[in-house]
Amino acid sequence: SYRLFLQVMLADVSGGSESPSMARTVLAWKKNAGSAATTAVPHWDDLARLNPRVGELWQQLMTVATPTEEELKQLANTAAKEWNSSDDTTNSSCRNILYQLHQTLAETRHHLKAMGNAAKVPVEPEEQTALANATCELPGVVAALVPGAGGYDALACIYINTDEVRHRISGLWSEWGGKDGSTQVCPLTVQGINFGEGVRLEP
């Protein structure tokens, strides 16, 4: 499950990638990179550490008090990188967890991209990096990242659930053209719903 003050937006990005072949290439790289029993696999092991942390932060969000309308307004009008400001007047627990989630997901992006580069697979290609970074700079955005196995064809965004933030994101995506103007980004109408068991931590 998720808190109603958060929402997910997806975008269809022109282009495409062969997810099965990408995954096979990454797994082959992992096998070679960690061939020795005592050898840590760079980036892969970092992601193994970070992914459970993302789940823990989601669970923490389920226990904190729901932000007031004024607190949500402040979050929606401030970039996530500024949510750790010492002079904030919002619900400190919620704001702090959201900031940690923002930072942790940014770190996972870093290692996914670096792992893709090492495996010579476009897990997060430069075009997607530019779009995700621009989206993350928008006030009210918790994180933007390439979903699934990565590639060129989609972007996901977690944001503070207000009309203003949603319109801000869809406006950026609709006008996005990339460096050469050839990239088309189409915001999708699908959204997250409070159904089922939500985030599950697996051993």
Protein backbone atom coordinates (compact mmCIF):
# COMPACT_ATOMS: atom_id res chain seq x y z
CA SER A 1 0.00 0.00 0.00
CA TYR A 2 1.03 3.65 -0.24
CA ARG A 3 0.11 6.91 1.43
CA LEU A 4 -2.48 8.97 -0.43
CA PHE A 5 -0.25 12.05 -0.40
CA LEU A 6 2.08 10.21 -2.83
CA GLN A 7 1.35 9.20 -6.40
CA VAL A 8 3.13 7.57 -9.35
CA MET A 9 3.19 8.83 -12.93
CA LEU A 10 4.52 6.91 -15.92
CA ALA A 11 5.67 8.14 -19.30
CA ASP A 12 5.98 6.36 -22.61
CA VAL A 13 9.22 7.48 -24.26
CA SER A 14 9.74 7.10 -28.00
CA GLY A 15 12.27 4.40 -28.69
CA GLY A 16 12.61 0.94 -27.27
CA SER A 17 14.99 -1.67 -25.97
CA GLU A 18 15.34 -5.43 -25.89
CA SER A 19 14.80 -6.09 -22.17
CA PRO A 20 15.46 -9.89 -22.24
CA SER A 21 18.76 -9.52 -24.07
CA MET A 22 19.75 -6.61 -21.80
CA ALA A 23 19.06 -8.70 -18.71
CA ARG A 24 21.06 -11.63 -20.07
CA THR A 25 24.02 -9.37 -20.77
CA VAL A 26 23.94 -7.89 -17.27
CA LEU A 27 23.75 -11.36 -15.70
CA ALA A 28 26.71 -12.51 -17.80
CA TRP A 29 28.66 -9.44 -16.65
CA LYS A 30 27.76 -10.19 -13.01
CA LYS A 31 28.99 -13.76 -13.36
CA ASN A 32 32.34 -12.58 -14.71
CA ALA A 33 32.68 -9.69 -12.26
CA GLY A 34 32.08 -11.95 -9.26
CA SER A 35 33.84 -15.07 -10.49
CA ALA A 36 35.84 -15.44 -7.28
CA ALA A 37 33.85 -16.53 -4.23
CA THR A 38 35.20 -13.66 -2.15
CA THR A 39 34.88 -10.99 -4.85
CA ALA A 40 32.26 -8.32 -4.30
CA VAL A 41 30.36 -7.41 -7.44
CA PRO A 42 30.53 -3.64 -7.91
CA HIS A 43 27.18 -1.87 -8.11
CA TRP A 44 25.26 -5.19 -7.94
CA ASP A 45 26.14 -5.60 -4.25
CA ASP A 46 25.39 -1.92 -3.64
CA LEU A 47 21.92 -2.41 -5.10
CA ALA A 48 21.43 -5.49 -2.92
CA ARG A 49 22.04 -3.21 0.05
CA LEU A 50 19.92 -0.30 -1.17
CA ASN A 51 16.80 -2.11 -2.39
CA PRO A 52 15.76 -3.35 1.08
CA ARG A 53 16.36 0.17 2.38
CA VAL A 54 13.81 1.50 -0.12
CA GLY A 55 11.28 -1.02 1.21
CA GLU A 56 12.05 -0.03 4.80
CA LEU A 57 11.48 3.66 4.02
CA TRP A 58 8.14 2.88 2.36
CA GLN A 59 7.12 1.01 5.49
CA GLN A 60 8.19 3.92 7.68
CA LEU A 61 6.01 6.24 5.62
CA MET A 62 3.03 4.07 6.53
CA THR A 63 3.50 4.83 10.23
CA VAL A 64 4.06 8.59 10.31
CA ALA A 65 1.29 11.14 10.69
CA THR A 66 -0.31 12.31 7.46
CA PRO A 67 0.98 15.79 6.53
CA THR A 68 -1.50 18.64 6.92
CA GLU A 69 -2.70 20.57 3.88
CA GLU A 70 -0.19 23.32 4.64
CA GLU A 71 2.65 20.82 5.02
CA LEU A 72 1.76 19.16 1.71
CA LYS A 73 1.72 22.56 0.05
CA GLN A 74 5.24 23.25 1.29
CA LEU A 75 6.48 19.86 0.10
CA ALA A 76 4.77 20.31 -3.27
CA ASN A 77 6.47 23.66 -3.81
CA THR A 78 9.99 22.67 -2.76
CA ALA A 79 12.51 20.55 -4.64
CA ALA A 80 13.28 17.26 -2.86
CA LYS A 81 16.97 18.11 -2.50
CA GLU A 82 15.89 20.93 -0.17
CA TRP A 83 13.62 18.80 2.05
CA ASN A 84 16.39 18.37 4.62
CA SER A 85 16.51 22.11 5.26
CA SER A 86 16.99 22.93 8.95
CA ASP A 87 14.38 25.69 8.82
CA ASP A 88 11.48 23.55 7.55
CA THR A 89 8.17 23.84 9.39
CA THR A 90 6.54 20.67 8.04
CA ASN A 91 5.97 17.33 9.73
CA SER A 92 9.66 16.61 10.41
CA SER A 93 9.33 12.81 10.51
CA CYS A 94 7.48 12.58 7.19
CA ARG A 95 9.68 15.14 5.48
CA ASN A 96 12.83 13.42 6.71
CA ILE A 97 11.69 10.01 5.47
CA LEU A 98 10.72 11.45 2.10
CA TYR A 99 14.15 13.08 1.83
CA GLN A 100 15.84 9.77 2.69
CA LEU A 101 13.69 8.02 0.06
CA HIS A 102 14.70 10.65 -2.49
CA GLN A 103 18.39 10.19 -1.65
CA THR A 104 18.24 6.38 -1.61
CA LEU A 105 16.46 6.16 -4.97
CA ALA A 106 19.00 8.60 -6.43
CA GLU A 107 21.76 6.31 -5.18
CA THR A 108 20.10 3.26 -6.77
CA ARG A 109 19.93 5.18 -10.05
CA HIS A 110 23.64 5.88 -9.81
CA HIS A 111 24.54 2.22 -9.34
CA LEU A 112 22.10 1.00 -11.99
CA LYS A 113 23.58 3.38 -14.54
CA ALA A 114 27.15 2.51 -13.54
CA MET A 115 26.36 -1.22 -13.71
CA GLY A 116 24.84 -0.76 -17.15
CA ASN A 117 27.92 1.12 -18.32
CA ALA A 118 30.18 -1.63 -16.96
CA ALA A 119 28.11 -4.31 -18.70
CA LYS A 120 27.84 -2.18 -21.87
CA VAL A 121 24.03 -2.19 -21.58
CA PRO A 122 21.92 1.01 -21.69
CA VAL A 123 20.14 0.45 -18.37
CA GLU A 124 19.89 4.22 -18.01
CA PRO A 125 21.00 5.79 -21.30
CA GLU A 126 22.08 9.41 -21.40
CA GLU A 127 18.77 10.51 -22.91
CA GLN A 128 16.92 9.02 -19.96
CA THR A 129 19.41 10.49 -17.49
CA ALA A 130 18.72 13.97 -18.82
CA LEU A 131 14.95 13.50 -18.59
CA ALA A 132 15.06 11.91 -15.12
CA ASN A 133 17.38 14.63 -13.78
CA ALA A 134 15.17 17.41 -15.13
CA THR A 135 12.11 15.73 -13.60
CA CYS A 136 13.83 15.38 -10.22
CA GLU A 137 14.55 19.12 -10.19
CA LEU A 138 10.83 19.91 -10.22
CA PRO A 139 9.29 20.91 -6.87
CA GLY A 140 7.25 18.12 -5.34
CA VAL A 141 9.02 15.25 -7.12
CA VAL A 142 10.37 12.53 -4.82
CA ALA A 143 12.18 10.58 -7.55
CA ALA A 144 12.26 9.84 -11.26
CA LEU A 145 13.80 6.69 -12.67
CA VAL A 146 13.82 4.20 -15.52
CA PRO A 147 11.54 1.29 -14.54
CA GLY A 148 11.94 -2.43 -15.13
CA ALA A 149 15.08 -3.62 -16.89
CA GLY A 150 15.86 -0.08 -18.03
CA GLY A 151 16.29 1.22 -21.53
CA TYR A 152 14.84 3.98 -23.64
CA ASP A 153 11.11 3.39 -23.58
CA ALA A 154 9.69 4.50 -20.21
CA LEU A 155 10.14 6.70 -17.17
CA ALA A 156 8.48 6.53 -13.75
CA CYS A 157 8.03 9.36 -11.28
CA ILE A 158 6.98 9.42 -7.60
CA TYR A 159 5.58 12.77 -6.52
CA ILE A 160 3.57 14.65 -3.90
CA ASN A 161 -0.03 14.05 -4.95
CA THR A 162 -1.33 17.49 -5.89
CA ASP A 163 -2.72 18.75 -9.18
CA GLU A 164 -0.01 21.41 -9.33
CA VAL A 165 2.85 18.90 -9.14
CA ARG A 166 1.16 16.53 -11.60
CA HIS A 167 0.67 19.33 -14.13
CA ARG A 168 4.27 20.44 -13.61
CA ILE A 169 5.55 16.96 -14.48
CA SER A 170 3.24 16.38 -17.43
CA GLY A 171 4.12 19.84 -18.77
CA LEU A 172 7.85 19.09 -18.71
CA TRP A 173 7.37 15.69 -20.31
CA SER A 174 5.00 16.94 -23.01
CA GLU A 175 7.47 19.64 -24.05
CA TRP A 176 10.56 17.44 -23.81
CA GLY A 177 12.46 16.95 -27.03
CA GLY A 178 15.92 15.88 -25.96
CA LYS A 179 19.12 17.43 -27.28
CA ASP A 180 18.19 16.93 -30.92
CA GLY A 181 14.43 17.30 -30.55
CA SER A 182 13.78 13.71 -31.64
CA THR A 183 12.59 12.31 -28.29
CA GLN A 184 8.85 12.28 -27.60
CA VAL A 185 7.60 11.74 -24.05
CA CYS A 186 3.93 10.93 -23.51
CA PRO A 187 2.55 11.10 -19.95
CA LEU A 188 0.27 8.13 -19.27
CA THR A 189 -2.99 8.24 -17.32
CA VAL A 190 -2.21 5.15 -15.22
CA GLN A 191 -1.77 5.81 -11.50
CA GLY A 192 -1.03 3.85 -8.35
CA ILE A 193 -4.03 2.62 -6.35
CA ASN A 194 -4.30 1.52 -2.74
CA PHE A 195 -4.93 -2.16 -3.45
CA GLY A 196 -3.35 -5.45 -2.43
CA GLU A 197 -0.38 -5.86 -0.13
CA GLY A 198 1.76 -3.10 -1.60
CA VAL A 199 5.51 -3.13 -0.96
CA ARG A 200 6.75 -6.50 0.26
CA LEU A 201 10.21 -7.20 1.68
CA GLU A 202 11.54 -10.58 0.58
CA PRO A 203 14.50 -12.43 2.11
